Each structure stands twice: as structure tokens, then as C-alpha cells.
Amino acid sequence: MNSPSGADQSPTGSGASNSAAHWRADIASLVFPIPEHGAICAVHRGAFRTLLGADPTPDGCLGYFARFEDAFRAAAGAKILRKRIPLGTNLHLTSRDIARKLLEADQIERGER
């Protein structure tokens, strides 16, 4: 699999696939698996800085991901389709990728009221 060193390992380094998001200090990014694509998706701290409007901590990034996980996963899926990213190839999301899905979700929610 194409991945930064250790990106597809659990935080403990055991090599087991990790099913949850976790912080990678070596690349200053939150990473989460995309099992259906057989890859890892990374979101750099700078993207969270833009989304949060403040300098984020790793815990703040993990909390934001937990709150909006559906939007992150939808953004990853959309990017895979849009860029035709081959199966098993890792990717990263920008703040723009994520914001697009957050806006779509907000518009859908407001439309249902």
C-alpha cells in the first residue's frame, strides 16, 4: 500500500489496521482509514486551523473529526471519485474538501426544517 511510513499501522505501531482516527505527530495530521478504498486519509493540522479559525491541538482536531466524521468520510469519497484515485492509494483532504461537505450537510439540514 502507498503510505507514509507507519500510516497504516495502529498508534501502538503493531502493524494492525487501525479502525479509528488518530493523530500522527510525525506528519502533524489526523489520519483515518478508508476501508472500502483500502487506504488511509490524512488531514493536516493546517486544514484544521482553517476550519476551526484557531491554532488546533491534536485533541481539538480529533474532537472536530468525531463531531463531523460523516462530512470527512463524504469528502474523502468525493475526492476519490473526482480525482479518480486508484484503489489502495492514500490521500489527503484540504480544508476546502471538508468545508464543501459541511456546507452541503448544512444546506440539507436547513432544507428539511
PDB file of N, CA and C in Angstrom:
ATOM      1  N   MET A   1       0.840  -1.173   0.000  1.00  0.00           N
ATOM      2  CA  MET A   1       0.000   0.000   0.000  1.00  0.00           C
ATOM      3  C   MET A   1       0.888   1.241   0.000  1.00  0.00           C
ATOM      4  N   ASN A   2       0.516   2.267  -0.750  1.00  0.00           N
ATOM      5  CA  ASN A   2       1.244   3.534  -0.721  1.00  0.00           C
ATOM      6  C   ASN A   2       0.878   4.270   0.546  1.00  0.00           C
ATOM      7  N   SER A   3       1.839   4.476   1.421  1.00  0.00           N
ATOM      8  CA  SER A   3       1.536   5.200   2.651  1.00  0.00           C
ATOM      9  C   SER A   3       2.784   5.809   3.220  1.00  0.00           C
ATOM     10  N   PRO A   4       2.599   6.941   3.922  1.00  0.00           N
ATOM     11  CA  PRO A   4       3.736   7.454   4.668  1.00  0.00           C
ATOM     12  C   PRO A   4       4.148   6.388   5.670  1.00  0.00           C
ATOM     13  N   SER A   5       5.363   6.393   6.040  1.00  0.00           N
ATOM     14  CA  SER A   5       5.876   5.398   6.962  1.00  0.00           C
ATOM     15  C   SER A   5       4.962   5.259   8.172  1.00  0.00           C
ATOM     16  N   GLY A   6       4.415   4.073   8.339  1.00  0.00           N
ATOM     17  CA  GLY A   6       3.594   3.785   9.503  1.00  0.00           C
ATOM     18  C   GLY A   6       2.172   4.293   9.438  1.00  0.00           C
ATOM     19  N   ALA A   7       1.748   4.914   8.356  1.00  0.00           N
ATOM     20  CA  ALA A   7       0.401   5.492   8.297  1.00  0.00           C
ATOM     21  C   ALA A   7      -0.678   4.431   8.390  1.00  0.00           C
ATOM     22  N   ASP A   8      -0.366   3.214   7.979  1.00  0.00           N
ATOM     23  CA  ASP A   8      -1.389   2.179   8.013  1.00  0.00           C
ATOM     24  C   ASP A   8      -1.241   1.287   9.246  1.00  0.00           C
ATOM     25  N   GLN A   9      -0.473   1.743  10.211  1.00  0.00           N
ATOM     26  CA  GLN A   9      -0.309   0.995  11.441  1.00  0.00           C
ATOM     27  C   GLN A   9      -1.137   1.630  12.538  1.00  0.00           C
ATOM     28  N   SER A  10      -1.393   0.837  13.568  1.00  0.00           N
ATOM     29  CA  SER A  10      -2.102   1.366  14.720  1.00  0.00           C
ATOM     30  C   SER A  10      -1.178   2.325  15.463  1.00  0.00           C
ATOM     31  N   PRO A  11      -1.731   3.175  16.328  1.00  0.00           N
ATOM     32  CA  PRO A  11      -0.890   4.106  17.075  1.00  0.00           C
ATOM     33  C   PRO A  11       0.168   3.410  17.911  1.00  0.00           C
ATOM     34  N   THR A  12      -0.063   2.153  18.254  1.00  0.00           N
ATOM     35  CA  THR A  12       0.922   1.426  19.041  1.00  0.00           C
ATOM     36  C   THR A  12       2.051   0.894  18.180  1.00  0.00           C
ATOM     37  N   GLY A  13       1.901   1.001  16.856  1.00  0.00           N
ATOM     38  CA  GLY A  13       2.958   0.539  15.965  1.00  0.00           C
ATOM     39  C   GLY A  13       2.946  -0.951  15.738  1.00  0.00           C
ATOM     40  N   SER A  14       1.856  -1.627  16.103  1.00  0.00           N
ATOM     41  CA  SER A  14       1.816  -3.080  15.979  1.00  0.00           C
ATOM     42  C   SER A  14       1.649  -3.546  14.548  1.00  0.00           C
ATOM     43  N   GLY A  15       1.273  -2.623  13.632  1.00  0.00           N
ATOM     44  CA  GLY A  15       1.069  -3.002  12.254  1.00  0.00           C
ATOM     45  C   GLY A  15      -0.366  -3.409  11.974  1.00  0.00           C
ATOM     46  N   ALA A  16      -1.163  -3.583  13.023  1.00  0.00           N
ATOM     47  CA  ALA A  16      -2.563  -3.932  12.838  1.00  0.00           C
ATOM     48  C   ALA A  16      -3.303  -2.729  12.264  1.00  0.00           C
ATOM     49  N   SER A  17      -4.226  -3.003  11.383  1.00  0.00           N
ATOM     50  CA  SER A  17      -5.003  -1.927  10.789  1.00  0.00           C
ATOM     51  C   SER A  17      -5.806  -1.230  11.872  1.00  0.00           C
ATOM     52  N   ASN A  18      -5.789   0.080  11.882  1.00  0.00           N
ATOM     53  CA  ASN A  18      -6.495   0.850  12.885  1.00  0.00           C
ATOM     54  C   ASN A  18      -7.818   1.312  12.314  1.00  0.00           C
ATOM     55  N   SER A  19      -8.913   1.046  13.012  1.00  0.00           N
ATOM     56  CA  SER A  19     -10.229   1.398  12.503  1.00  0.00           C
ATOM     57  C   SER A  19     -10.687   2.778  12.947  1.00  0.00           C
ATOM     58  N   ALA A  20      -9.904   3.442  13.770  1.00  0.00           N
ATOM     59  CA  ALA A  20     -10.303   4.754  14.272  1.00  0.00           C
ATOM     60  C   ALA A  20      -9.299   5.824  13.846  1.00  0.00           C
ATOM     61  N   ALA A  21      -9.780   7.039  13.858  1.00  0.00           N
ATOM     62  CA  ALA A  21      -8.901   8.161  13.569  1.00  0.00           C
ATOM     63  C   ALA A  21      -7.881   8.300  14.698  1.00  0.00           C
ATOM     64  N   HIS A  22      -6.698   8.734  14.338  1.00  0.00           N
ATOM     65  CA  HIS A  22      -5.684   9.006  15.345  1.00  0.00           C
ATOM     66  C   HIS A  22      -4.749  10.096  14.842  1.00  0.00           C
ATOM     67  N   TRP A  23      -3.992  10.666  15.765  1.00  0.00           N
ATOM     68  CA  TRP A  23      -3.081  11.757  15.450  1.00  0.00           C
ATOM     69  C   TRP A  23      -1.709  11.201  15.119  1.00  0.00           C
ATOM     70  N   ARG A  24      -1.114  11.684  14.020  1.00  0.00           N
ATOM     71  CA  ARG A  24       0.258  11.333  13.636  1.00  0.00           C
ATOM     72  C   ARG A  24       1.134  12.563  13.850  1.00  0.00           C
ATOM     73  N   ALA A  25       1.854  12.589  14.958  1.00  0.00           N
ATOM     74  CA  ALA A  25       2.701  13.738  15.281  1.00  0.00           C
ATOM     75  C   ALA A  25       3.805  13.939  14.243  1.00  0.00           C
ATOM     76  N   ASP A  26       4.297  12.853  13.653  1.00  0.00           N
ATOM     77  CA  ASP A  26       5.402  12.963  12.704  1.00  0.00           C
ATOM     78  C   ASP A  26       5.019  13.704  11.427  1.00  0.00           C
ATOM     79  N   ILE A  27       3.724  13.727  11.099  1.00  0.00           N
ATOM     80  CA  ILE A  27       3.267  14.467   9.917  1.00  0.00           C
ATOM     81  C   ILE A  27       2.248  15.548  10.293  1.00  0.00           C
ATOM     82  N   ALA A  28       2.079  15.786  11.598  1.00  0.00           N
ATOM     83  CA  ALA A  28       1.156  16.800  12.115  1.00  0.00           C
ATOM     84  C   ALA A  28      -0.213  16.697  11.456  1.00  0.00           C
ATOM     85  N   SER A  29      -0.735  15.477  11.439  1.00  0.00           N
ATOM     86  CA  SER A  29      -2.001  15.222  10.761  1.00  0.00           C
ATOM     87  C   SER A  29      -2.847  14.203  11.508  1.00  0.00           C
ATOM     88  N   LEU A  30      -4.148  14.345  11.341  1.00  0.00           N
ATOM     89  CA  LEU A  30      -5.088  13.322  11.760  1.00  0.00           C
ATOM     90  C   LEU A  30      -5.196  12.355  10.596  1.00  0.00           C
ATOM     91  N   VAL A  31      -5.189  11.075  10.885  1.00  0.00           N
ATOM     92  CA  VAL A  31      -5.348  10.075   9.832  1.00  0.00           C
ATOM     93  C   VAL A  31      -6.499   9.149  10.199  1.00  0.00           C
ATOM     94  N   PHE A  32      -7.209   8.710   9.173  1.00  0.00           N
ATOM     95  CA  PHE A  32      -8.281   7.753   9.384  1.00  0.00           C
ATOM     96  C   PHE A  32      -8.333   6.799   8.200  1.00  0.00           C
ATOM     97  N   PRO A  33      -8.739   5.559   8.474  1.00  0.00           N
ATOM     98  CA  PRO A  33      -8.787   4.568   7.400  1.00  0.00           C
ATOM     99  C   PRO A  33     -10.021   4.751   6.529  1.00  0.00           C
ATOM    100  N   ILE A  34      -9.877   4.365   5.280  1.00  0.00           N
ATOM    101  CA  ILE A  34     -11.000   4.285   4.349  1.00  0.00           C
ATOM    102  C   ILE A  34     -11.024   2.828   3.890  1.00  0.00           C
ATOM    103  N   PRO A  35     -11.645   1.967   4.699  1.00  0.00           N
ATOM    104  CA  PRO A  35     -11.586   0.525   4.418  1.00  0.00           C
ATOM    105  C   PRO A  35     -12.067   0.146   3.021  1.00  0.00           C
ATOM    106  N   GLU A  36     -13.138   0.789   2.554  1.00  0.00           N
ATOM    107  CA  GLU A  36     -13.674   0.432   1.238  1.00  0.00           C
ATOM    108  C   GLU A  36     -12.736   0.812   0.103  1.00  0.00           C
ATOM    109  N   HIS A  37     -11.771   1.671   0.379  1.00  0.00           N
ATOM    110  CA  HIS A  37     -10.776   2.072  -0.630  1.00  0.00           C
ATOM    111  C   HIS A  37      -9.424   1.407  -0.360  1.00  0.00           C
ATOM    112  N   GLY A  38      -9.315   0.771   0.806  1.00  0.00           N
ATOM    113  CA  GLY A  38      -8.061   0.120   1.169  1.00  0.00           C
ATOM    114  C   GLY A  38      -6.928   1.100   1.358  1.00  0.00           C
ATOM    115  N   ALA A  39      -7.251   2.262   1.949  1.00  0.00           N
ATOM    116  CA  ALA A  39      -6.249   3.317   2.064  1.00  0.00           C
ATOM    117  C   ALA A  39      -6.444   4.118   3.348  1.00  0.00           C
ATOM    118  N   ILE A  40      -5.538   5.047   3.525  1.00  0.00           N
ATOM    119  CA  ILE A  40      -5.551   5.960   4.663  1.00  0.00           C
ATOM    120  C   ILE A  40      -5.758   7.369   4.132  1.00  0.00           C
ATOM    121  N   CYS A  41      -6.530   8.160   4.874  1.00  0.00           N
ATOM    122  CA  CYS A  41      -6.739   9.559   4.525  1.00  0.00           C
ATOM    123  C   CYS A  41      -6.134  10.418   5.629  1.00  0.00           C
ATOM    124  N   ALA A  42      -5.388  11.434   5.244  1.00  0.00           N
ATOM    125  CA  ALA A  42      -4.758  12.342   6.199  1.00  0.00           C
ATOM    126  C   ALA A  42      -5.341  13.740   6.055  1.00  0.00           C
ATOM    127  N   VAL A  43      -5.450  14.417   7.195  1.00  0.00           N
ATOM    128  CA  VAL A  43      -5.892  15.807   7.214  1.00  0.00           C
ATOM    129  C   VAL A  43      -4.869  16.573   8.044  1.00  0.00           C
ATOM    130  N   HIS A  44      -4.134  17.462   7.404  1.00  0.00           N
ATOM    131  CA  HIS A  44      -3.057  18.190   8.060  1.00  0.00           C
ATOM    132  C   HIS A  44      -3.603  19.199   9.067  1.00  0.00           C
ATOM    133  N   ARG A  45      -2.786  19.461  10.053  1.00  0.00           N
ATOM    134  CA  ARG A  45      -3.143  20.432  11.095  1.00  0.00           C
ATOM    135  C   ARG A  45      -3.545  21.786  10.500  1.00  0.00           C
ATOM    136  N   GLY A  46      -2.910  22.178   9.411  1.00  0.00           N
ATOM    137  CA  GLY A  46      -3.239  23.449   8.771  1.00  0.00           C
ATOM    138  C   GLY A  46      -4.672  23.494   8.265  1.00  0.00           C
ATOM    139  N   ALA A  47      -5.191  22.360   7.807  1.00  0.00           N
ATOM    140  CA  ALA A  47      -6.592  22.315   7.372  1.00  0.00           C
ATOM    141  C   ALA A  47      -7.512  22.550   8.566  1.00  0.00           C
ATOM    142  N   PHE A  48      -7.168  21.960   9.705  1.00  0.00           N
ATOM    143  CA  PHE A  48      -7.977  22.191  10.907  1.00  0.00           C
ATOM    144  C   PHE A  48      -7.875  23.640  11.365  1.00  0.00           C
ATOM    145  N   ARG A  49      -6.713  24.239  11.199  1.00  0.00           N
ATOM    146  CA  ARG A  49      -6.546  25.654  11.564  1.00  0.00           C
ATOM    147  C   ARG A  49      -7.539  26.505  10.782  1.00  0.00           C
ATOM    148  N   THR A  50      -7.676  26.226   9.503  1.00  0.00           N
ATOM    149  CA  THR A  50      -8.623  26.962   8.673  1.00  0.00           C
ATOM    150  C   THR A  50     -10.060  26.677   9.095  1.00  0.00           C
ATOM    151  N   LEU A  51     -10.387  25.421   9.320  1.00  0.00           N
ATOM    152  CA  LEU A  51     -11.749  25.043   9.680  1.00  0.00           C
ATOM    153  C   LEU A  51     -12.167  25.580  11.042  1.00  0.00           C
ATOM    154  N   LEU A  52     -11.243  25.554  11.995  1.00  0.00           N
ATOM    155  CA  LEU A  52     -11.557  25.975  13.360  1.00  0.00           C
ATOM    156  C   LEU A  52     -11.336  27.464  13.596  1.00  0.00           C
ATOM    157  N   GLY A  53     -10.563  28.092  12.729  1.00  0.00           N
ATOM    158  CA  GLY A  53     -10.265  29.509  12.905  1.00  0.00           C
ATOM    159  C   GLY A  53      -9.332  29.789  14.070  1.00  0.00           C
ATOM    160  N   ALA A  54      -8.591  28.782  14.491  1.00  0.00           N
ATOM    161  CA  ALA A  54      -7.651  28.915  15.611  1.00  0.00           C
ATOM    162  C   ALA A  54      -6.570  27.856  15.453  1.00  0.00           C
ATOM    163  N   ASP A  55      -5.491  28.014  16.207  1.00  0.00           N
ATOM    164  CA  ASP A  55      -4.407  27.038  16.174  1.00  0.00           C
ATOM    165  C   ASP A  55      -4.852  25.786  16.930  1.00  0.00           C
ATOM    166  N   PRO A  56      -5.068  24.664  16.230  1.00  0.00           N
ATOM    167  CA  PRO A  56      -5.653  23.488  16.870  1.00  0.00           C
ATOM    168  C   PRO A  56      -4.634  22.622  17.607  1.00  0.00           C
ATOM    169  N   THR A  57      -5.132  21.941  18.617  1.00  0.00           N
ATOM    170  CA  THR A  57      -4.345  20.915  19.301  1.00  0.00           C
ATOM    171  C   THR A  57      -4.713  19.568  18.680  1.00  0.00           C
ATOM    172  N   PRO A  58      -3.892  18.561  18.861  1.00  0.00           N
ATOM    173  CA  PRO A  58      -4.281  17.235  18.368  1.00  0.00           C
ATOM    174  C   PRO A  58      -5.644  16.789  18.910  1.00  0.00           C
ATOM    175  N   ASP A  59      -5.898  17.017  20.208  1.00  0.00           N
ATOM    176  CA  ASP A  59      -7.186  16.631  20.783  1.00  0.00           C
ATOM    177  C   ASP A  59      -8.335  17.427  20.168  1.00  0.00           C
ATOM    178  N   GLY A  60      -8.086  18.705  19.874  1.00  0.00           N
ATOM    179  CA  GLY A  60      -9.103  19.517  19.213  1.00  0.00           C
ATOM    180  C   GLY A  60      -9.425  19.000  17.825  1.00  0.00           C
ATOM    181  N   CYS A  61      -8.406  18.570  17.110  1.00  0.00           N
ATOM    182  CA  CYS A  61      -8.605  18.003  15.766  1.00  0.00           C
ATOM    183  C   CYS A  61      -9.386  16.705  15.841  1.00  0.00           C
ATOM    184  N   LEU A  62      -9.028  15.849  16.788  1.00  0.00           N
ATOM    185  CA  LEU A  62      -9.739  14.577  16.954  1.00  0.00           C
ATOM    186  C   LEU A  62     -11.196  14.819  17.345  1.00  0.00           C
ATOM    187  N   GLY A  63     -11.435  15.802  18.204  1.00  0.00           N
ATOM    188  CA  GLY A  63     -12.802  16.132  18.604  1.00  0.00           C
ATOM    189  C   GLY A  63     -13.625  16.655  17.440  1.00  0.00           C
ATOM    190  N   TYR A  64     -13.021  17.504  16.615  1.00  0.00           N
ATOM    191  CA  TYR A  64     -13.714  18.052  15.446  1.00  0.00           C
ATOM    192  C   TYR A  64     -14.038  16.930  14.464  1.00  0.00           C
ATOM    193  N   PHE A  65     -13.088  16.033  14.262  1.00  0.00           N
ATOM    194  CA  PHE A  65     -13.330  14.892  13.385  1.00  0.00           C
ATOM    195  C   PHE A  65     -14.496  14.059  13.917  1.00  0.00           C
ATOM    196  N   ALA A  66     -14.497  13.783  15.212  1.00  0.00           N
ATOM    197  CA  ALA A  66     -15.562  12.963  15.797  1.00  0.00           C
ATOM    198  C   ALA A  66     -16.933  13.624  15.594  1.00  0.00           C
ATOM    199  N   ARG A  67     -16.971  14.932  15.731  1.00  0.00           N
ATOM    200  CA  ARG A  67     -18.231  15.670  15.582  1.00  0.00           C
ATOM    201  C   ARG A  67     -18.745  15.642  14.135  1.00  0.00           C
ATOM    202  N   PHE A  68     -17.832  15.707  13.177  1.00  0.00           N
ATOM    203  CA  PHE A  68     -18.207  15.807  11.764  1.00  0.00           C
ATOM    204  C   PHE A  68     -17.654  14.656  10.919  1.00  0.00           C
ATOM    205  N   GLU A  69     -17.537  13.487  11.521  1.00  0.00           N
ATOM    206  CA  GLU A  69     -16.931  12.352  10.821  1.00  0.00           C
ATOM    207  C   GLU A  69     -17.612  12.049   9.494  1.00  0.00           C
ATOM    208  N   ASP A  70     -18.930  12.139   9.451  1.00  0.00           N
ATOM    209  CA  ASP A  70     -19.640  11.847   8.201  1.00  0.00           C
ATOM    210  C   ASP A  70     -19.182  12.769   7.073  1.00  0.00           C
ATOM    211  N   ALA A  71     -18.974  14.042   7.385  1.00  0.00           N
ATOM    212  CA  ALA A  71     -18.523  15.002   6.366  1.00  0.00           C
ATOM    213  C   ALA A  71     -17.097  14.673   5.909  1.00  0.00           C
ATOM    214  N   PHE A  72     -16.227  14.274   6.836  1.00  0.00           N
ATOM    215  CA  PHE A  72     -14.860  13.901   6.470  1.00  0.00           C
ATOM    216  C   PHE A  72     -14.874  12.688   5.542  1.00  0.00           C
ATOM    217  N   ARG A  73     -15.669  11.693   5.886  1.00  0.00           N
ATOM    218  CA  ARG A  73     -15.730  10.482   5.067  1.00  0.00           C
ATOM    219  C   ARG A  73     -16.366  10.774   3.708  1.00  0.00           C
ATOM    220  N   ALA A  74     -17.390  11.623   3.692  1.00  0.00           N
ATOM    221  CA  ALA A  74     -18.008  12.008   2.414  1.00  0.00           C
ATOM    222  C   ALA A  74     -17.016  12.784   1.559  1.00  0.00           C
ATOM    223  N   ALA A  75     -16.228  13.651   2.181  1.00  0.00           N
ATOM    224  CA  ALA A  75     -15.223  14.416   1.441  1.00  0.00           C
ATOM    225  C   ALA A  75     -14.168  13.487   0.850  1.00  0.00           C
ATOM    226  N   ALA A  76     -13.756  12.490   1.612  1.00  0.00           N
ATOM    227  CA  ALA A  76     -12.773  11.525   1.096  1.00  0.00           C
ATOM    228  C   ALA A  76     -13.355  10.760  -0.088  1.00  0.00           C
ATOM    229  N   GLY A  77     -14.597  10.299   0.048  1.00  0.00           N
ATOM    230  CA  GLY A  77     -15.230   9.567  -1.048  1.00  0.00           C
ATOM    231  C   GLY A  77     -15.373  10.413  -2.304  1.00  0.00           C
ATOM    232  N   ALA A  78     -15.759  11.672  -2.109  1.00  0.00           N
ATOM    233  CA  ALA A  78     -15.914  12.574  -3.254  1.00  0.00           C
ATOM    234  C   ALA A  78     -14.577  12.840  -3.936  1.00  0.00           C
ATOM    235  N   LYS A  79     -13.521  13.001  -3.142  1.00  0.00           N
ATOM    236  CA  LYS A  79     -12.206  13.265  -3.724  1.00  0.00           C
ATOM    237  C   LYS A  79     -11.699  12.046  -4.495  1.00  0.00           C
ATOM    238  N   ILE A  80     -11.944  10.874  -3.949  1.00  0.00           N
ATOM    239  CA  ILE A  80     -11.541   9.638  -4.638  1.00  0.00           C
ATOM    240  C   ILE A  80     -12.204   9.573  -6.009  1.00  0.00           C
ATOM    241  N   LEU A  81     -13.502   9.864  -6.048  1.00  0.00           N
ATOM    242  CA  LEU A  81     -14.222   9.830  -7.325  1.00  0.00           C
ATOM    243  C   LEU A  81     -13.770  10.948  -8.262  1.00  0.00           C
ATOM    244  N   ARG A  82     -13.679  12.162  -7.731  1.00  0.00           N
ATOM    245  CA  ARG A  82     -13.331  13.329  -8.555  1.00  0.00           C
ATOM    246  C   ARG A  82     -11.942  13.214  -9.162  1.00  0.00           C
ATOM    247  N   LYS A  83     -10.984  12.754  -8.363  1.00  0.00           N
ATOM    248  CA  LYS A  83      -9.588  12.661  -8.811  1.00  0.00           C
ATOM    249  C   LYS A  83      -9.241  11.289  -9.384  1.00  0.00           C
ATOM    250  N   ARG A  84     -10.221  10.384  -9.353  1.00  0.00           N
ATOM    251  CA  ARG A  84     -10.006   9.010  -9.833  1.00  0.00           C
ATOM    252  C   ARG A  84      -8.779   8.373  -9.167  1.00  0.00           C
ATOM    253  N   ILE A  85      -8.753   8.471  -7.860  1.00  0.00           N
ATOM    254  CA  ILE A  85      -7.635   7.938  -7.081  1.00  0.00           C
ATOM    255  C   ILE A  85      -7.731   6.415  -7.070  1.00  0.00           C
ATOM    256  N   PRO A  86      -6.682   5.741  -7.516  1.00  0.00           N
ATOM    257  CA  PRO A  86      -6.726   4.275  -7.596  1.00  0.00           C
ATOM    258  C   PRO A  86      -6.921   3.617  -6.232  1.00  0.00           C
ATOM    259  N   LEU A  87      -7.615   2.505  -6.245  1.00  0.00           N
ATOM    260  CA  LEU A  87      -7.834   1.702  -5.060  1.00  0.00           C
ATOM    261  C   LEU A  87      -6.503   1.449  -4.354  1.00  0.00           C
ATOM    262  N   GLY A  88      -6.491   1.613  -3.046  1.00  0.00           N
ATOM    263  CA  GLY A  88      -5.283   1.359  -2.268  1.00  0.00           C
ATOM    264  C   GLY A  88      -4.320   2.529  -2.185  1.00  0.00           C
ATOM    265  N   THR A  89      -4.635   3.636  -2.851  1.00  0.00           N
ATOM    266  CA  THR A  89      -3.763   4.810  -2.820  1.00  0.00           C
ATOM    267  C   THR A  89      -4.236   5.770  -1.745  1.00  0.00           C
ATOM    268  N   ASN A  90      -3.338   6.126  -0.853  1.00  0.00           N
ATOM    269  CA  ASN A  90      -3.661   7.063   0.216  1.00  0.00           C
ATOM    270  C   ASN A  90      -3.919   8.452  -0.339  1.00  0.00           C
ATOM    271  N   LEU A  91      -4.620   9.268   0.440  1.00  0.00           N
ATOM    272  CA  LEU A  91      -4.936  10.622   0.006  1.00  0.00           C
ATOM    273  C   LEU A  91      -4.963  11.557   1.195  1.00  0.00           C
ATOM    274  N   HIS A  92      -5.058  12.831   0.903  1.00  0.00           N
ATOM    275  CA  HIS A  92      -5.218  13.828   1.962  1.00  0.00           C
ATOM    276  C   HIS A  92      -6.377  14.740   1.595  1.00  0.00           C
ATOM    277  N   LEU A  93      -6.979  15.305   2.617  1.00  0.00           N
ATOM    278  CA  LEU A  93      -8.059  16.259   2.421  1.00  0.00           C
ATOM    279  C   LEU A  93      -7.583  17.654   2.791  1.00  0.00           C
ATOM    280  N   THR A  94      -8.054  18.631   2.050  1.00  0.00           N
ATOM    281  CA  THR A  94      -7.798  20.033   2.382  1.00  0.00           C
ATOM    282  C   THR A  94      -9.001  20.572   3.148  1.00  0.00           C
ATOM    283  N   SER A  95      -8.850  21.747   3.720  1.00  0.00           N
ATOM    284  CA  SER A  95      -9.985  22.377   4.400  1.00  0.00           C
ATOM    285  C   SER A  95     -11.115  22.627   3.410  1.00  0.00           C
ATOM    286  N   ARG A  96     -10.780  22.925   2.178  1.00  0.00           N
ATOM    287  CA  ARG A  96     -11.797  23.164   1.148  1.00  0.00           C
ATOM    288  C   ARG A  96     -12.607  21.895   0.866  1.00  0.00           C
ATOM    289  N   ASP A  97     -11.934  20.733   0.801  1.00  0.00           N
ATOM    290  CA  ASP A  97     -12.646  19.463   0.588  1.00  0.00           C
ATOM    291  C   ASP A  97     -13.686  19.237   1.694  1.00  0.00           C
ATOM    292  N   ILE A  98     -13.269  19.483   2.924  1.00  0.00           N
ATOM    293  CA  ILE A  98     -14.133  19.229   4.081  1.00  0.00           C
ATOM    294  C   ILE A  98     -15.240  20.277   4.170  1.00  0.00           C
ATOM    295  N   ALA A  99     -14.884  21.545   3.981  1.00  0.00           N
ATOM    296  CA  ALA A  99     -15.876  22.621   4.057  1.00  0.00           C
ATOM    297  C   ALA A  99     -16.991  22.417   3.045  1.00  0.00           C
ATOM    298  N   ARG A 100     -16.654  21.942   1.877  1.00  0.00           N
ATOM    299  CA  ARG A 100     -17.656  21.680   0.835  1.00  0.00           C
ATOM    300  C   ARG A 100     -18.721  20.713   1.358  1.00  0.00           C
ATOM    301  N   LYS A 101     -18.293  19.652   2.017  1.00  0.00           N
ATOM    302  CA  LYS A 101     -19.244  18.667   2.539  1.00  0.00           C
ATOM    303  C   LYS A 101     -19.990  19.184   3.759  1.00  0.00           C
ATOM    304  N   LEU A 102     -19.331  19.994   4.582  1.00  0.00           N
ATOM    305  CA  LEU A 102     -20.023  20.587   5.727  1.00  0.00           C
ATOM    306  C   LEU A 102     -21.129  21.529   5.257  1.00  0.00           C
ATOM    307  N   LEU A 103     -20.858  22.302   4.214  1.00  0.00           N
ATOM    308  CA  LEU A 103     -21.874  23.207   3.661  1.00  0.00           C
ATOM    309  C   LEU A 103     -23.033  22.426   3.062  1.00  0.00           C
ATOM    310  N   GLU A 104     -22.730  21.359   2.353  1.00  0.00           N
ATOM    311  CA  GLU A 104     -23.790  20.522   1.774  1.00  0.00           C
ATOM    312  C   GLU A 104     -24.674  19.956   2.877  1.00  0.00           C
ATOM    313  N   ALA A 105     -24.068  19.454   3.948  1.00  0.00           N
ATOM    314  CA  ALA A 105     -24.831  18.878   5.055  1.00  0.00           C
ATOM    315  C   ALA A 105     -25.699  19.941   5.714  1.00  0.00           C
ATOM    316  N   ASP A 106     -25.163  21.143   5.877  1.00  0.00           N
ATOM    317  CA  ASP A 106     -25.916  22.240   6.487  1.00  0.00           C
ATOM    318  C   ASP A 106     -27.097  22.629   5.606  1.00  0.00           C
ATOM    319  N   GLN A 107     -26.886  22.688   4.312  1.00  0.00           N
ATOM    320  CA  GLN A 107     -27.958  23.050   3.390  1.00  0.00           C
ATOM    321  C   GLN A 107     -29.054  21.993   3.386  1.00  0.00           C
ATOM    322  N   ILE A 108     -28.668  20.745   3.456  1.00  0.00           N
ATOM    323  CA  ILE A 108     -29.653  19.663   3.500  1.00  0.00           C
ATOM    324  C   ILE A 108     -30.455  19.756   4.789  1.00  0.00           C
ATOM    325  N   GLU A 109     -29.751  19.978   5.907  1.00  0.00           N
ATOM    326  CA  GLU A 109     -30.432  20.068   7.199  1.00  0.00           C
ATOM    327  C   GLU A 109     -31.404  21.245   7.227  1.00  0.00           C
ATOM    328  N   ARG A 110     -30.982  22.402   6.717  1.00  0.00           N
ATOM    329  CA  ARG A 110     -31.870  23.572   6.702  1.00  0.00           C
ATOM    330  C   ARG A 110     -33.051  23.336   5.770  1.00  0.00           C
ATOM    331  N   GLY A 111     -32.846  22.586   4.704  1.00  0.00           N
ATOM    332  CA  GLY A 111     -33.923  22.310   3.772  1.00  0.00           C
ATOM    333  C   GLY A 111     -34.980  21.385   4.348  1.00  0.00           C
ATOM    334  N   GLU A 112     -34.615  20.615   5.368  1.00  0.00           N
ATOM    335  CA  GLU A 112     -35.556  19.660   5.971  1.00  0.00           C
ATOM    336  C   GLU A 112     -36.390  20.289   7.073  1.00  0.00           C
ATOM    337  N   ARG A 113     -36.030  21.491   7.496  1.00  0.00           N
ATOM    338  CA  ARG A 113     -36.792  22.137   8.583  1.00  0.00           C
ATOM    339  C   ARG A 113     -38.093  22.687   8.099  1.00  0.00           C
TER     340      ARG A 113
END
